[in-house]
Every structure is written in C-alpha cells, then in structure tokens.
Amino acid sequence: MLFFGVKKNGELEALISKTRMNQSNNYKDAAQENYKALCSRYKELLSAGKLNEKQQTH
C-alpha cells in the first residue's frame, strides 16, 4: 500500500541504481551498458503499456 509518491517500477529502479553505482565508481563502460539496458527496457515496458503516466515521467 502506498501512502505518498509514485508506485515505482522495481525493475527500472534496479537498473537506475546499477547505472548510478557504476557511474560513481568511474566504471564508464559498465555504466554505458547499464544505461543502454535501462533505455531498452523502458521502451519495452512503455510500448507494452506496463507504465502508468506518473511512472513515465518519473
């Protein structure tokens, strides 16, 4: 149950966290691969209608 905020997509949040971690550790290649995976998965979820309006803009 949510009291405040937007219900987040756990899969996308995990990819964002992984990308940020690699970026902060200066793992440029890994961060770029994670970012590509994040963009790809976001597009898949968006085209499948699995993201609500607030998740799309988060």
C-alpha atoms as a PDB file:
ATOM      1  CA  MET A   1       0.000   0.000   0.000  1.00  0.00           C
ATOM      2  CA  LEU A   2       1.293   3.427  -0.940  1.00  0.00           C
ATOM      3  CA  PHE A   3       0.706   6.474   1.169  1.00  0.00           C
ATOM      4  CA  PHE A   4       2.836   9.027  -0.656  1.00  0.00           C
ATOM      5  CA  GLY A   5       4.503   9.318  -4.021  1.00  0.00           C
ATOM      6  CA  VAL A   6       4.515   7.241  -7.126  1.00  0.00           C
ATOM      7  CA  LYS A   7       4.475   3.475  -7.286  1.00  0.00           C
ATOM      8  CA  LYS A   8       7.853   2.752  -8.819  1.00  0.00           C
ATOM      9  CA  ASN A   9       8.787   0.041 -11.247  1.00  0.00           C
ATOM     10  CA  GLY A  10      11.274  -2.139  -9.354  1.00  0.00           C
ATOM     11  CA  GLU A  11      12.992  -3.420 -12.453  1.00  0.00           C
ATOM     12  CA  LEU A  12      13.701   0.066 -13.769  1.00  0.00           C
ATOM     13  CA  GLU A  13      14.754   1.290 -10.338  1.00  0.00           C
ATOM     14  CA  ALA A  14      17.288  -1.554 -10.096  1.00  0.00           C
ATOM     15  CA  LEU A  15      18.736  -0.633 -13.489  1.00  0.00           C
ATOM     16  CA  ILE A  16      18.938   3.030 -12.461  1.00  0.00           C
ATOM     17  CA  SER A  17      20.726   2.110  -9.226  1.00  0.00           C
ATOM     18  CA  LYS A  18      23.189  -0.119 -11.037  1.00  0.00           C
ATOM     19  CA  THR A  19      23.910   2.621 -13.588  1.00  0.00           C
ATOM     20  CA  ARG A  20      24.451   5.230 -10.864  1.00  0.00           C
ATOM     21  CA  MET A  21      26.722   2.920  -8.892  1.00  0.00           C
ATOM     22  CA  ASN A  22      28.919   2.165 -11.896  1.00  0.00           C
ATOM     23  CA  GLN A  23      28.989   5.822 -12.860  1.00  0.00           C
ATOM     24  CA  SER A  24      30.026   6.920  -9.368  1.00  0.00           C
ATOM     25  CA  ASN A  25      32.779   4.289  -9.333  1.00  0.00           C
ATOM     26  CA  ASN A  26      34.040   5.522 -12.720  1.00  0.00           C
ATOM     27  CA  TYR A  27      33.164   2.259 -14.471  1.00  0.00           C
ATOM     28  CA  LYS A  28      32.384   4.056 -17.708  1.00  0.00           C
ATOM     29  CA  ASP A  29      31.872   1.008 -19.946  1.00  0.00           C
ATOM     30  CA  ALA A  30      29.660  -0.776 -17.435  1.00  0.00           C
ATOM     31  CA  ALA A  31      27.641   2.388 -16.819  1.00  0.00           C
ATOM     32  CA  GLN A  32      27.089   2.841 -20.546  1.00  0.00           C
ATOM     33  CA  GLU A  33      25.945  -0.781 -20.922  1.00  0.00           C
ATOM     34  CA  ASN A  34      23.582  -0.365 -17.969  1.00  0.00           C
ATOM     35  CA  TYR A  35      22.197   2.838 -19.462  1.00  0.00           C
ATOM     36  CA  LYS A  36      21.542   1.120 -22.794  1.00  0.00           C
ATOM     37  CA  ALA A  37      19.777  -1.729 -20.971  1.00  0.00           C
ATOM     38  CA  LEU A  38      17.719   0.790 -18.996  1.00  0.00           C
ATOM     39  CA  CYS A  39      16.640   2.652 -22.138  1.00  0.00           C
ATOM     40  CA  SER A  40      15.807  -0.576 -23.919  1.00  0.00           C
ATOM     41  CA  ARG A  41      13.744  -1.958 -21.028  1.00  0.00           C
ATOM     42  CA  TYR A  42      11.962   1.376 -20.550  1.00  0.00           C
ATOM     43  CA  LYS A  43      10.924   1.374 -24.209  1.00  0.00           C
ATOM     44  CA  GLU A  44       9.720  -2.242 -23.931  1.00  0.00           C
ATOM     45  CA  LEU A  45       7.614  -1.507 -20.850  1.00  0.00           C
ATOM     46  CA  LEU A  46       6.282   1.690 -22.381  1.00  0.00           C
ATOM     47  CA  SER A  47       5.223   0.022 -25.625  1.00  0.00           C
ATOM     48  CA  ALA A  48       3.613  -2.838 -23.690  1.00  0.00           C
ATOM     49  CA  GLY A  49       1.582  -0.350 -21.641  1.00  0.00           C
ATOM     50  CA  LYS A  50       3.084  -1.504 -18.350  1.00  0.00           C
ATOM     51  CA  LEU A  51       3.954   2.002 -17.095  1.00  0.00           C
ATOM     52  CA  ASN A  52       1.371   4.438 -15.839  1.00  0.00           C
ATOM     53  CA  GLU A  53       1.572   8.155 -16.644  1.00  0.00           C
ATOM     54  CA  LYS A  54       3.472   9.083 -13.473  1.00  0.00           C
ATOM     55  CA  GLN A  55       5.995   6.280 -13.970  1.00  0.00           C
ATOM     56  CA  GLN A  56       6.623   7.516 -17.497  1.00  0.00           C
ATOM     57  CA  THR A  57       7.608  10.975 -16.265  1.00  0.00           C
ATOM     58  CA  HIS A  58       9.487   9.848 -13.149  1.00  0.00           C
END
